Structure formats: structure tokens, C-alpha cells
Amino acid sequence: MAYRIFEDALGAVWEVWDVLPGSAERRAGERRSSEARAAAGDRRVERLSAIGVHQDLSAGWLCFLSGSDKRRLAPIPSAWEQLDMDALRELHAAARPAAVHVELAG
């Protein structure tokens, strides 16, 4: 995973990195017991549906983060790790806002 830091035109500091979803994120999640597999028949003919990753993001994306502002850009531009700051700002401008997940202390 590549990682960079840059400032946007307004002086906000942004972190950016590439995200490549793993097979666990691309497949339906629960493991089935042997009894459940036997009852359902041959699992090789079942289709696994994607969870958690929208089809547009399945090949990966760039994640931009500044405080509580998070953005995504897909697909990942080739050689983005070597782009100059102006080019990173252009990618950031093209990225779409994304929800930030916050874990609550319990």
C-alpha cells in the first residue's frame, strides 16, 4: 500500500493511500457448517454475492482523508504514487465524498 500526504489549495492536509479489497470483502461472509452445506447441496454451483464493496470499487480505490472529510477515487490511477502535488490535488478534486466510520468507545 502506497501512502502520501499533501496540502489542497486551501491549505488542508490530506492523507491518501490505495485500497485493494481482499477476497473476504468481495464475498458473502458467513461460513456454513457441514450440515448446512449438505442440506444446501453442492456449494460449487452457488453464487457468492459481494458485500461491503460497491461494484465500482471492486478493483480498488484511492482513499483521501483529512480530519472527518473522506473521499474515494476509483479506479486507482496508474503510477499515482509518483505524481506531483498538483496532480494529486486534481485527483482529490475528482474524488467523491465517502462516509467516515467512527468506532464508539464502550
PDB file of N, CA and C in Angstrom:
ATOM      1  N   MET A   1       0.839  -1.169   0.000  1.00  0.00           N
ATOM      2  CA  MET A   1       0.000   0.000   0.000  1.00  0.00           C
ATOM      3  C   MET A   1       0.892   1.243   0.000  1.00  0.00           C
ATOM      4  N   ALA A   2       0.673   2.076  -0.982  1.00  0.00           N
ATOM      5  CA  ALA A   2       1.389   3.348  -1.054  1.00  0.00           C
ATOM      6  C   ALA A   2       0.659   4.374  -0.196  1.00  0.00           C
ATOM      7  N   TYR A   3       1.383   5.365   0.295  1.00  0.00           N
ATOM      8  CA  TYR A   3       0.823   6.373   1.190  1.00  0.00           C
ATOM      9  C   TYR A   3       1.505   7.706   0.920  1.00  0.00           C
ATOM     10  N   ARG A   4       0.699   8.769   0.813  1.00  0.00           N
ATOM     11  CA  ARG A   4       1.251  10.110   0.588  1.00  0.00           C
ATOM     12  C   ARG A   4       0.489  11.121   1.423  1.00  0.00           C
ATOM     13  N   ILE A   5       1.104  12.275   1.630  1.00  0.00           N
ATOM     14  CA  ILE A   5       0.483  13.408   2.311  1.00  0.00           C
ATOM     15  C   ILE A   5       0.672  14.626   1.414  1.00  0.00           C
ATOM     16  N   PHE A   6      -0.380  15.452   1.300  1.00  0.00           N
ATOM     17  CA  PHE A   6      -0.279  16.675   0.504  1.00  0.00           C
ATOM     18  C   PHE A   6      -1.237  17.714   1.067  1.00  0.00           C
ATOM     19  N   GLU A   7      -1.089  18.949   0.627  1.00  0.00           N
ATOM     20  CA  GLU A   7      -1.991  20.041   1.000  1.00  0.00           C
ATOM     21  C   GLU A   7      -2.843  20.401  -0.197  1.00  0.00           C
ATOM     22  N   ASP A   8      -4.143  20.629   0.070  1.00  0.00           N
ATOM     23  CA  ASP A   8      -5.003  21.088  -1.020  1.00  0.00           C
ATOM     24  C   ASP A   8      -4.815  22.597  -1.213  1.00  0.00           C
ATOM     25  N   ALA A   9      -5.547  23.165  -2.148  1.00  0.00           N
ATOM     26  CA  ALA A   9      -5.391  24.591  -2.483  1.00  0.00           C
ATOM     27  C   ALA A   9      -5.745  25.513  -1.321  1.00  0.00           C
ATOM     28  N   LEU A  10      -6.550  25.010  -0.359  1.00  0.00           N
ATOM     29  CA  LEU A  10      -6.945  25.823   0.800  1.00  0.00           C
ATOM     30  C   LEU A  10      -6.033  25.606   2.005  1.00  0.00           C
ATOM     31  N   GLY A  11      -5.024  24.763   1.846  1.00  0.00           N
ATOM     32  CA  GLY A  11      -4.075  24.517   2.930  1.00  0.00           C
ATOM     33  C   GLY A  11      -4.423  23.358   3.854  1.00  0.00           C
ATOM     34  N   ALA A  12      -5.517  22.635   3.571  1.00  0.00           N
ATOM     35  CA  ALA A  12      -5.857  21.466   4.382  1.00  0.00           C
ATOM     36  C   ALA A  12      -4.899  20.319   4.054  1.00  0.00           C
ATOM     37  N   VAL A  13      -4.457  19.613   5.082  1.00  0.00           N
ATOM     38  CA  VAL A  13      -3.543  18.486   4.901  1.00  0.00           C
ATOM     39  C   VAL A  13      -4.369  17.217   4.663  1.00  0.00           C
ATOM     40  N   TRP A  14      -4.026  16.500   3.603  1.00  0.00           N
ATOM     41  CA  TRP A  14      -4.717  15.272   3.218  1.00  0.00           C
ATOM     42  C   TRP A  14      -3.751  14.097   3.225  1.00  0.00           C
ATOM     43  N   GLU A  15      -4.227  12.972   3.684  1.00  0.00           N
ATOM     44  CA  GLU A  15      -3.525  11.702   3.533  1.00  0.00           C
ATOM     45  C   GLU A  15      -4.199  10.985   2.373  1.00  0.00           C
ATOM     46  N   VAL A  16      -3.430  10.259   1.591  1.00  0.00           N
ATOM     47  CA  VAL A  16      -4.005   9.472   0.501  1.00  0.00           C
ATOM     48  C   VAL A  16      -3.279   8.140   0.425  1.00  0.00           C
ATOM     49  N   TRP A  17      -4.058   7.077   0.219  1.00  0.00           N
ATOM     50  CA  TRP A  17      -3.482   5.738   0.069  1.00  0.00           C
ATOM     51  C   TRP A  17      -4.392   4.908  -0.819  1.00  0.00           C
ATOM     52  N   ASP A  18      -3.835   3.829  -1.358  1.00  0.00           N
ATOM     53  CA  ASP A  18      -4.629   2.946  -2.200  1.00  0.00           C
ATOM     54  C   ASP A  18      -5.235   1.832  -1.356  1.00  0.00           C
ATOM     55  N   VAL A  19      -6.444   1.435  -1.733  1.00  0.00           N
ATOM     56  CA  VAL A  19      -7.162   0.373  -1.039  1.00  0.00           C
ATOM     57  C   VAL A  19      -7.490  -0.705  -2.061  1.00  0.00           C
ATOM     58  N   LEU A  20      -7.051  -1.921  -1.774  1.00  0.00           N
ATOM     59  CA  LEU A  20      -7.349  -3.063  -2.624  1.00  0.00           C
ATOM     60  C   LEU A  20      -8.165  -4.044  -1.805  1.00  0.00           C
ATOM     61  N   PRO A  21      -9.468  -4.167  -2.094  1.00  0.00           N
ATOM     62  CA  PRO A  21     -10.301  -5.052  -1.287  1.00  0.00           C
ATOM     63  C   PRO A  21      -9.840  -6.497  -1.413  1.00  0.00           C
ATOM     64  N   GLY A  22      -9.805  -7.198  -0.285  1.00  0.00           N
ATOM     65  CA  GLY A  22      -9.420  -8.604  -0.275  1.00  0.00           C
ATOM     66  C   GLY A  22     -10.591  -9.478  -0.630  1.00  0.00           C
ATOM     67  N   SER A  23     -10.332 -10.741  -0.864  1.00  0.00           N
ATOM     68  CA  SER A  23     -11.398 -11.663  -1.238  1.00  0.00           C
ATOM     69  C   SER A  23     -12.458 -11.767  -0.155  1.00  0.00           C
ATOM     70  N   ALA A  24     -12.082 -11.585   1.106  1.00  0.00           N
ATOM     71  CA  ALA A  24     -13.064 -11.658   2.192  1.00  0.00           C
ATOM     72  C   ALA A  24     -14.067 -10.530   2.084  1.00  0.00           C
ATOM     73  N   GLU A  25     -13.654  -9.362   1.579  1.00  0.00           N
ATOM     74  CA  GLU A  25     -14.566  -8.242   1.420  1.00  0.00           C
ATOM     75  C   GLU A  25     -15.419  -8.389   0.170  1.00  0.00           C
ATOM     76  N   ARG A  26     -14.964  -9.171  -0.796  1.00  0.00           N
ATOM     77  CA  ARG A  26     -15.688  -9.312  -2.047  1.00  0.00           C
ATOM     78  C   ARG A  26     -16.692 -10.457  -2.010  1.00  0.00           C
ATOM     79  N   ARG A  27     -16.639 -11.319  -1.011  1.00  0.00           N
ATOM     80  CA  ARG A  27     -17.526 -12.471  -0.946  1.00  0.00           C
ATOM     81  C   ARG A  27     -18.536 -12.356   0.176  1.00  0.00           C
ATOM     82  N   ALA A  28     -19.599 -13.129   0.039  1.00  0.00           N
ATOM     83  CA  ALA A  28     -20.571 -13.218   1.127  1.00  0.00           C
ATOM     84  C   ALA A  28     -19.887 -13.890   2.299  1.00  0.00           C
ATOM     85  N   GLY A  29     -20.239 -13.454   3.503  1.00  0.00           N
ATOM     86  CA  GLY A  29     -19.412 -13.756   4.631  1.00  0.00           C
ATOM     87  C   GLY A  29     -19.557 -14.982   5.468  1.00  0.00           C
ATOM     88  N   GLU A  30     -20.710 -15.445   5.838  1.00  0.00           N
ATOM     89  CA  GLU A  30     -20.772 -16.465   6.871  1.00  0.00           C
ATOM     90  C   GLU A  30     -20.258 -17.809   6.383  1.00  0.00           C
ATOM     91  N   ARG A  31     -19.497 -18.463   7.233  1.00  0.00           N
ATOM     92  CA  ARG A  31     -19.084 -19.835   6.950  1.00  0.00           C
ATOM     93  C   ARG A  31     -20.224 -20.744   7.352  1.00  0.00           C
ATOM     94  N   ARG A  32     -20.439 -21.744   6.543  1.00  0.00           N
ATOM     95  CA  ARG A  32     -21.525 -22.664   6.841  1.00  0.00           C
ATOM     96  C   ARG A  32     -20.978 -23.941   7.451  1.00  0.00           C
ATOM     97  N   SER A  33     -21.757 -24.547   8.306  1.00  0.00           N
ATOM     98  CA  SER A  33     -21.369 -25.827   8.893  1.00  0.00           C
ATOM     99  C   SER A  33     -21.509 -26.908   7.837  1.00  0.00           C
ATOM    100  N   SER A  34     -20.906 -28.074   8.081  1.00  0.00           N
ATOM    101  CA  SER A  34     -21.004 -29.168   7.120  1.00  0.00           C
ATOM    102  C   SER A  34     -22.447 -29.611   6.941  1.00  0.00           C
ATOM    103  N   GLU A  35     -23.266 -29.514   8.024  1.00  0.00           N
ATOM    104  CA  GLU A  35     -24.678 -29.872   7.912  1.00  0.00           C
ATOM    105  C   GLU A  35     -25.407 -28.912   6.976  1.00  0.00           C
ATOM    106  N   ALA A  36     -25.112 -27.631   7.105  1.00  0.00           N
ATOM    107  CA  ALA A  36     -25.752 -26.642   6.246  1.00  0.00           C
ATOM    108  C   ALA A  36     -25.347 -26.838   4.795  1.00  0.00           C
ATOM    109  N   ARG A  37     -24.066 -27.177   4.564  1.00  0.00           N
ATOM    110  CA  ARG A  37     -23.614 -27.431   3.194  1.00  0.00           C
ATOM    111  C   ARG A  37     -24.306 -28.642   2.617  1.00  0.00           C
ATOM    112  N   ALA A  38     -24.432 -29.702   3.407  1.00  0.00           N
ATOM    113  CA  ALA A  38     -25.075 -30.931   2.930  1.00  0.00           C
ATOM    114  C   ALA A  38     -26.544 -30.669   2.603  1.00  0.00           C
ATOM    115  N   ALA A  39     -27.211 -29.885   3.435  1.00  0.00           N
ATOM    116  CA  ALA A  39     -28.624 -29.590   3.214  1.00  0.00           C
ATOM    117  C   ALA A  39     -28.820 -28.717   1.979  1.00  0.00           C
ATOM    118  N   ALA A  40     -27.871 -27.852   1.706  1.00  0.00           N
ATOM    119  CA  ALA A  40     -27.997 -26.932   0.579  1.00  0.00           C
ATOM    120  C   ALA A  40     -27.572 -27.557  -0.736  1.00  0.00           C
ATOM    121  N   GLY A  41     -26.902 -28.673  -0.701  1.00  0.00           N
ATOM    122  CA  GLY A  41     -26.443 -29.295  -1.931  1.00  0.00           C
ATOM    123  C   GLY A  41     -25.014 -28.889  -2.252  1.00  0.00           C
ATOM    124  N   ASP A  42     -24.609 -29.087  -3.483  1.00  0.00           N
ATOM    125  CA  ASP A  42     -23.239 -28.814  -3.921  1.00  0.00           C
ATOM    126  C   ASP A  42     -22.984 -27.314  -3.903  1.00  0.00           C
ATOM    127  N   ARG A  43     -22.094 -26.861  -3.048  1.00  0.00           N
ATOM    128  CA  ARG A  43     -21.849 -25.416  -2.920  1.00  0.00           C
ATOM    129  C   ARG A  43     -21.128 -24.827  -4.120  1.00  0.00           C
ATOM    130  N   ARG A  44     -20.539 -25.677  -4.964  1.00  0.00           N
ATOM    131  CA  ARG A  44     -19.812 -25.146  -6.117  1.00  0.00           C
ATOM    132  C   ARG A  44     -20.740 -24.499  -7.131  1.00  0.00           C
ATOM    133  N   VAL A  45     -22.011 -24.788  -7.068  1.00  0.00           N
ATOM    134  CA  VAL A  45     -22.937 -24.182  -8.013  1.00  0.00           C
ATOM    135  C   VAL A  45     -23.602 -22.938  -7.434  1.00  0.00           C
ATOM    136  N   GLU A  46     -23.341 -22.633  -6.178  1.00  0.00           N
ATOM    137  CA  GLU A  46     -23.920 -21.445  -5.573  1.00  0.00           C
ATOM    138  C   GLU A  46     -23.103 -20.227  -5.951  1.00  0.00           C
ATOM    139  N   ARG A  47     -23.799 -19.122  -6.106  1.00  0.00           N
ATOM    140  CA  ARG A  47     -23.112 -17.867  -6.404  1.00  0.00           C
ATOM    141  C   ARG A  47     -22.904 -17.109  -5.111  1.00  0.00           C
ATOM    142  N   LEU A  48     -21.747 -16.516  -4.980  1.00  0.00           N
ATOM    143  CA  LEU A  48     -21.453 -15.698  -3.817  1.00  0.00           C
ATOM    144  C   LEU A  48     -21.669 -14.240  -4.202  1.00  0.00           C
ATOM    145  N   SER A  49     -22.416 -13.530  -3.402  1.00  0.00           N
ATOM    146  CA  SER A  49     -22.668 -12.128  -3.714  1.00  0.00           C
ATOM    147  C   SER A  49     -21.680 -11.238  -2.972  1.00  0.00           C
ATOM    148  N   ALA A  50     -21.403 -10.088  -3.545  1.00  0.00           N
ATOM    149  CA  ALA A  50     -20.463  -9.154  -2.932  1.00  0.00           C
ATOM    150  C   ALA A  50     -21.114  -8.461  -1.741  1.00  0.00           C
ATOM    151  N   ILE A  51     -20.324  -8.203  -0.712  1.00  0.00           N
ATOM    152  CA  ILE A  51     -20.805  -7.431   0.427  1.00  0.00           C
ATOM    153  C   ILE A  51     -19.776  -6.348   0.733  1.00  0.00           C
ATOM    154  N   GLY A  52     -20.245  -5.233   1.164  1.00  0.00           N
ATOM    155  CA  GLY A  52     -19.357  -4.206   1.666  1.00  0.00           C
ATOM    156  C   GLY A  52     -18.605  -3.392   0.634  1.00  0.00           C
ATOM    157  N   VAL A  53     -18.481  -3.860  -0.598  1.00  0.00           N
ATOM    158  CA  VAL A  53     -17.735  -3.128  -1.615  1.00  0.00           C
ATOM    159  C   VAL A  53     -18.609  -2.977  -2.850  1.00  0.00           C
ATOM    160  N   HIS A  54     -18.913  -1.740  -3.198  1.00  0.00           N
ATOM    161  CA  HIS A  54     -19.703  -1.464  -4.390  1.00  0.00           C
ATOM    162  C   HIS A  54     -18.930  -1.928  -5.623  1.00  0.00           C
ATOM    163  N   GLN A  55     -19.658  -2.333  -6.643  1.00  0.00           N
ATOM    164  CA  GLN A  55     -19.029  -2.847  -7.859  1.00  0.00           C
ATOM    165  C   GLN A  55     -18.003  -1.872  -8.438  1.00  0.00           C
ATOM    166  N   ASP A  56     -18.288  -0.571  -8.375  1.00  0.00           N
ATOM    167  CA  ASP A  56     -17.358   0.433  -8.906  1.00  0.00           C
ATOM    168  C   ASP A  56     -16.029   0.440  -8.163  1.00  0.00           C
ATOM    169  N   LEU A  57     -16.022  -0.074  -6.929  1.00  0.00           N
ATOM    170  CA  LEU A  57     -14.821  -0.064  -6.096  1.00  0.00           C
ATOM    171  C   LEU A  57     -14.134  -1.420  -6.033  1.00  0.00           C
ATOM    172  N   SER A  58     -14.673  -2.416  -6.700  1.00  0.00           N
ATOM    173  CA  SER A  58     -14.170  -3.781  -6.549  1.00  0.00           C
ATOM    174  C   SER A  58     -12.726  -3.963  -7.005  1.00  0.00           C
ATOM    175  N   ALA A  59     -12.237  -3.104  -7.896  1.00  0.00           N
ATOM    176  CA  ALA A  59     -10.851  -3.198  -8.350  1.00  0.00           C
ATOM    177  C   ALA A  59      -9.917  -2.323  -7.515  1.00  0.00           C
ATOM    178  N   GLY A  60     -10.477  -1.634  -6.516  1.00  0.00           N
ATOM    179  CA  GLY A  60      -9.676  -0.785  -5.646  1.00  0.00           C
ATOM    180  C   GLY A  60      -9.965   0.685  -5.864  1.00  0.00           C
ATOM    181  N   TRP A  61      -9.466   1.517  -4.928  1.00  0.00           N
ATOM    182  CA  TRP A  61      -9.689   2.950  -4.994  1.00  0.00           C
ATOM    183  C   TRP A  61      -8.609   3.682  -4.217  1.00  0.00           C
ATOM    184  N   LEU A  62      -8.520   4.979  -4.447  1.00  0.00           N
ATOM    185  CA  LEU A  62      -7.686   5.842  -3.617  1.00  0.00           C
ATOM    186  C   LEU A  62      -8.572   6.405  -2.526  1.00  0.00           C
ATOM    187  N   CYS A  63      -8.069   6.404  -1.311  1.00  0.00           N
ATOM    188  CA  CYS A  63      -8.773   6.967  -0.173  1.00  0.00           C
ATOM    189  C   CYS A  63      -8.061   8.258   0.221  1.00  0.00           C
ATOM    190  N   PHE A  64      -8.820   9.352   0.279  1.00  0.00           N
ATOM    191  CA  PHE A  64      -8.310  10.655   0.714  1.00  0.00           C
ATOM    192  C   PHE A  64      -8.941  10.960   2.067  1.00  0.00           C
ATOM    193  N   LEU A  65      -8.135  11.361   3.052  1.00  0.00           N
ATOM    194  CA  LEU A  65      -8.656  11.637   4.386  1.00  0.00           C
ATOM    195  C   LEU A  65      -8.026  12.899   4.960  1.00  0.00           C
ATOM    196  N   SER A  66      -8.905  13.792   5.439  1.00  0.00           N
ATOM    197  CA  SER A  66      -8.468  15.000   6.128  1.00  0.00           C
ATOM    198  C   SER A  66      -9.467  15.262   7.244  1.00  0.00           C
ATOM    199  N   GLY A  67      -9.065  15.009   8.492  1.00  0.00           N
ATOM    200  CA  GLY A  67      -9.990  15.146   9.610  1.00  0.00           C
ATOM    201  C   GLY A  67     -11.165  14.211   9.436  1.00  0.00           C
ATOM    202  N   SER A  68     -12.381  14.781   9.403  1.00  0.00           N
ATOM    203  CA  SER A  68     -13.568  13.950   9.219  1.00  0.00           C
ATOM    204  C   SER A  68     -14.025  13.904   7.760  1.00  0.00           C
ATOM    205  N   ASP A  69     -13.263  14.506   6.869  1.00  0.00           N
ATOM    206  CA  ASP A  69     -13.589  14.505   5.439  1.00  0.00           C
ATOM    207  C   ASP A  69     -12.866  13.342   4.768  1.00  0.00           C
ATOM    208  N   LYS A  70     -13.654  12.475   4.150  1.00  0.00           N
ATOM    209  CA  LYS A  70     -13.089  11.295   3.491  1.00  0.00           C
ATOM    210  C   LYS A  70     -13.637  11.231   2.073  1.00  0.00           C
ATOM    211  N   ARG A  71     -12.759  10.916   1.123  1.00  0.00           N
ATOM    212  CA  ARG A  71     -13.156  10.832  -0.279  1.00  0.00           C
ATOM    213  C   ARG A  71     -12.548   9.597  -0.914  1.00  0.00           C
ATOM    214  N   ARG A  72     -13.196   9.130  -1.988  1.00  0.00           N
ATOM    215  CA  ARG A  72     -12.712   7.961  -2.729  1.00  0.00           C
ATOM    216  C   ARG A  72     -12.646   8.280  -4.209  1.00  0.00           C
ATOM    217  N   LEU A  73     -11.641   7.700  -4.841  1.00  0.00           N
ATOM    218  CA  LEU A  73     -11.487   7.825  -6.292  1.00  0.00           C
ATOM    219  C   LEU A  73     -11.213   6.440  -6.862  1.00  0.00           C
ATOM    220  N   ALA A  74     -12.059   6.019  -7.793  1.00  0.00           N
ATOM    221  CA  ALA A  74     -11.878   4.722  -8.448  1.00  0.00           C
ATOM    222  C   ALA A  74     -12.050   4.916  -9.948  1.00  0.00           C
ATOM    223  N   PRO A  75     -11.310   4.151 -10.712  1.00  0.00           N
ATOM    224  CA  PRO A  75     -10.271   3.196 -10.300  1.00  0.00           C
ATOM    225  C   PRO A  75      -8.985   3.912  -9.905  1.00  0.00           C
ATOM    226  N   ILE A  76      -8.060   3.155  -9.376  1.00  0.00           N
ATOM    227  CA  ILE A  76      -6.774   3.711  -8.951  1.00  0.00           C
ATOM    228  C   ILE A  76      -5.973   4.112 -10.192  1.00  0.00           C
ATOM    229  N   PRO A  77      -5.598   5.374 -10.308  1.00  0.00           N
ATOM    230  CA  PRO A  77      -4.773   5.790 -11.457  1.00  0.00           C
ATOM    231  C   PRO A  77      -3.394   5.129 -11.412  1.00  0.00           C
ATOM    232  N   SER A  78      -2.906   4.730 -12.566  1.00  0.00           N
ATOM    233  CA  SER A  78      -1.594   4.080 -12.588  1.00  0.00           C
ATOM    234  C   SER A  78      -0.508   5.082 -12.193  1.00  0.00           C
ATOM    235  N   ALA A  79       0.471   4.590 -11.467  1.00  0.00           N
ATOM    236  CA  ALA A  79       1.636   5.362 -11.022  1.00  0.00           C
ATOM    237  C   ALA A  79       1.255   6.606 -10.223  1.00  0.00           C
ATOM    238  N   TRP A  80       0.134   6.583  -9.521  1.00  0.00           N
ATOM    239  CA  TRP A  80      -0.290   7.745  -8.740  1.00  0.00           C
ATOM    240  C   TRP A  80       0.713   8.084  -7.647  1.00  0.00           C
ATOM    241  N   GLU A  81       1.460   7.079  -7.201  1.00  0.00           N
ATOM    242  CA  GLU A  81       2.434   7.286  -6.124  1.00  0.00           C
ATOM    243  C   GLU A  81       3.534   8.262  -6.516  1.00  0.00           C
ATOM    244  N   GLN A  82       3.756   8.423  -7.821  1.00  0.00           N
ATOM    245  CA  GLN A  82       4.835   9.281  -8.297  1.00  0.00           C
ATOM    246  C   GLN A  82       4.361  10.626  -8.837  1.00  0.00           C
ATOM    247  N   LEU A  83       3.065  10.887  -8.744  1.00  0.00           N
ATOM    248  CA  LEU A  83       2.541  12.149  -9.263  1.00  0.00           C
ATOM    249  C   LEU A  83       3.016  13.328  -8.422  1.00  0.00           C
ATOM    250  N   ASP A  84       3.117  14.491  -9.056  1.00  0.00           N
ATOM    251  CA  ASP A  84       3.485  15.691  -8.297  1.00  0.00           C
ATOM    252  C   ASP A  84       2.276  16.191  -7.513  1.00  0.00           C
ATOM    253  N   MET A  85       2.480  17.181  -6.668  1.00  0.00           N
ATOM    254  CA  MET A  85       1.433  17.675  -5.782  1.00  0.00           C
ATOM    255  C   MET A  85       0.236  18.238  -6.551  1.00  0.00           C
ATOM    256  N   ASP A  86       0.476  18.930  -7.649  1.00  0.00           N
ATOM    257  CA  ASP A  86      -0.630  19.470  -8.437  1.00  0.00           C
ATOM    258  C   ASP A  86      -1.507  18.345  -8.994  1.00  0.00           C
ATOM    259  N   ALA A  87      -0.895  17.277  -9.454  1.00  0.00           N
ATOM    260  CA  ALA A  87      -1.660  16.145  -9.977  1.00  0.00           C
ATOM    261  C   ALA A  87      -2.443  15.453  -8.864  1.00  0.00           C
ATOM    262  N   LEU A  88      -1.855  15.354  -7.654  1.00  0.00           N
ATOM    263  CA  LEU A  88      -2.592  14.790  -6.517  1.00  0.00           C
ATOM    264  C   LEU A  88      -3.813  15.658  -6.183  1.00  0.00           C
ATOM    265  N   ARG A  89      -3.651  16.966  -6.255  1.00  0.00           N
ATOM    266  CA  ARG A  89      -4.775  17.866  -5.996  1.00  0.00           C
ATOM    267  C   ARG A  89      -5.892  17.665  -7.029  1.00  0.00           C
ATOM    268  N   GLU A  90      -5.506  17.411  -8.272  1.00  0.00           N
ATOM    269  CA  GLU A  90      -6.506  17.158  -9.317  1.00  0.00           C
ATOM    270  C   GLU A  90      -7.256  15.847  -9.043  1.00  0.00           C
ATOM    271  N   LEU A  91      -6.533  14.813  -8.617  1.00  0.00           N
ATOM    272  CA  LEU A  91      -7.197  13.555  -8.267  1.00  0.00           C
ATOM    273  C   LEU A  91      -8.149  13.764  -7.102  1.00  0.00           C
ATOM    274  N   HIS A  92      -7.687  14.512  -6.110  1.00  0.00           N
ATOM    275  CA  HIS A  92      -8.525  14.811  -4.949  1.00  0.00           C
ATOM    276  C   HIS A  92      -9.798  15.539  -5.369  1.00  0.00           C
ATOM    277  N   ALA A  93      -9.685  16.490  -6.272  1.00  0.00           N
ATOM    278  CA  ALA A  93     -10.845  17.244  -6.740  1.00  0.00           C
ATOM    279  C   ALA A  93     -11.845  16.337  -7.457  1.00  0.00           C
ATOM    280  N   ALA A  94     -11.355  15.272  -8.078  1.00  0.00           N
ATOM    281  CA  ALA A  94     -12.232  14.350  -8.798  1.00  0.00           C
ATOM    282  C   ALA A  94     -12.833  13.271  -7.892  1.00  0.00           C
ATOM    283  N   ALA A  95     -12.316  13.132  -6.675  1.00  0.00           N
ATOM    284  CA  ALA A  95     -12.787  12.095  -5.758  1.00  0.00           C
ATOM    285  C   ALA A  95     -14.159  12.434  -5.197  1.00  0.00           C
ATOM    286  N   ARG A  96     -14.924  11.392  -4.875  1.00  0.00           N
ATOM    287  CA  ARG A  96     -16.275  11.561  -4.334  1.00  0.00           C
ATOM    288  C   ARG A  96     -16.265  11.452  -2.816  1.00  0.00           C
ATOM    289  N   PRO A  97     -17.100  12.246  -2.145  1.00  0.00           N
ATOM    290  CA  PRO A  97     -17.196  12.138  -0.680  1.00  0.00           C
ATOM    291  C   PRO A  97     -17.633  10.730  -0.262  1.00  0.00           C
ATOM    292  N   ALA A  98     -17.114  10.271   0.875  1.00  0.00           N
ATOM    293  CA  ALA A  98     -17.456   8.960   1.420  1.00  0.00           C
ATOM    294  C   ALA A  98     -17.733   9.107   2.906  1.00  0.00           C
ATOM    295  N   ALA A  99     -18.509   8.198   3.434  1.00  0.00           N
ATOM    296  CA  ALA A  99     -18.825   8.221   4.864  1.00  0.00           C
ATOM    297  C   ALA A  99     -17.602   7.834   5.674  1.00  0.00           C
ATOM    298  N   VAL A 100     -17.435   8.471   6.810  1.00  0.00           N
ATOM    299  CA  VAL A 100     -16.377   8.118   7.747  1.00  0.00           C
ATOM    300  C   VAL A 100     -17.002   7.306   8.858  1.00  0.00           C
ATOM    301  N   HIS A 101     -16.467   6.110   9.102  1.00  0.00           N
ATOM    302  CA  HIS A 101     -16.978   5.250  10.164  1.00  0.00           C
ATOM    303  C   HIS A 101     -16.202   5.536  11.433  1.00  0.00           C
ATOM    304  N   VAL A 102     -16.926   5.810  12.495  1.00  0.00           N
ATOM    305  CA  VAL A 102     -16.316   6.136  13.771  1.00  0.00           C
ATOM    306  C   VAL A 102     -16.655   5.034  14.761  1.00  0.00           C
ATOM    307  N   GLU A 103     -15.640   4.495  15.418  1.00  0.00           N
ATOM    308  CA  GLU A 103     -15.884   3.494  16.448  1.00  0.00           C
ATOM    309  C   GLU A 103     -16.138   4.195  17.758  1.00  0.00           C
ATOM    310  N   LEU A 104     -17.178   3.789  18.442  1.00  0.00           N
ATOM    311  CA  LEU A 104     -17.528   4.373  19.722  1.00  0.00           C
ATOM    312  C   LEU A 104     -16.886   3.581  20.854  1.00  0.00           C
ATOM    313  N   ALA A 105     -16.337   4.285  21.813  1.00  0.00           N
ATOM    314  CA  ALA A 105     -15.754   3.617  22.976  1.00  0.00           C
ATOM    315  C   ALA A 105     -16.887   3.072  23.835  1.00  0.00           C
ATOM    316  N   GLY A 106     -16.713   1.854  24.300  1.00  0.00           N
ATOM    317  CA  GLY A 106     -17.817   1.284  25.044  1.00  0.00           C
ATOM    318  C   GLY A 106     -17.383   0.783  26.317  1.00  0.00           C
TER     319      GLY A 106
END
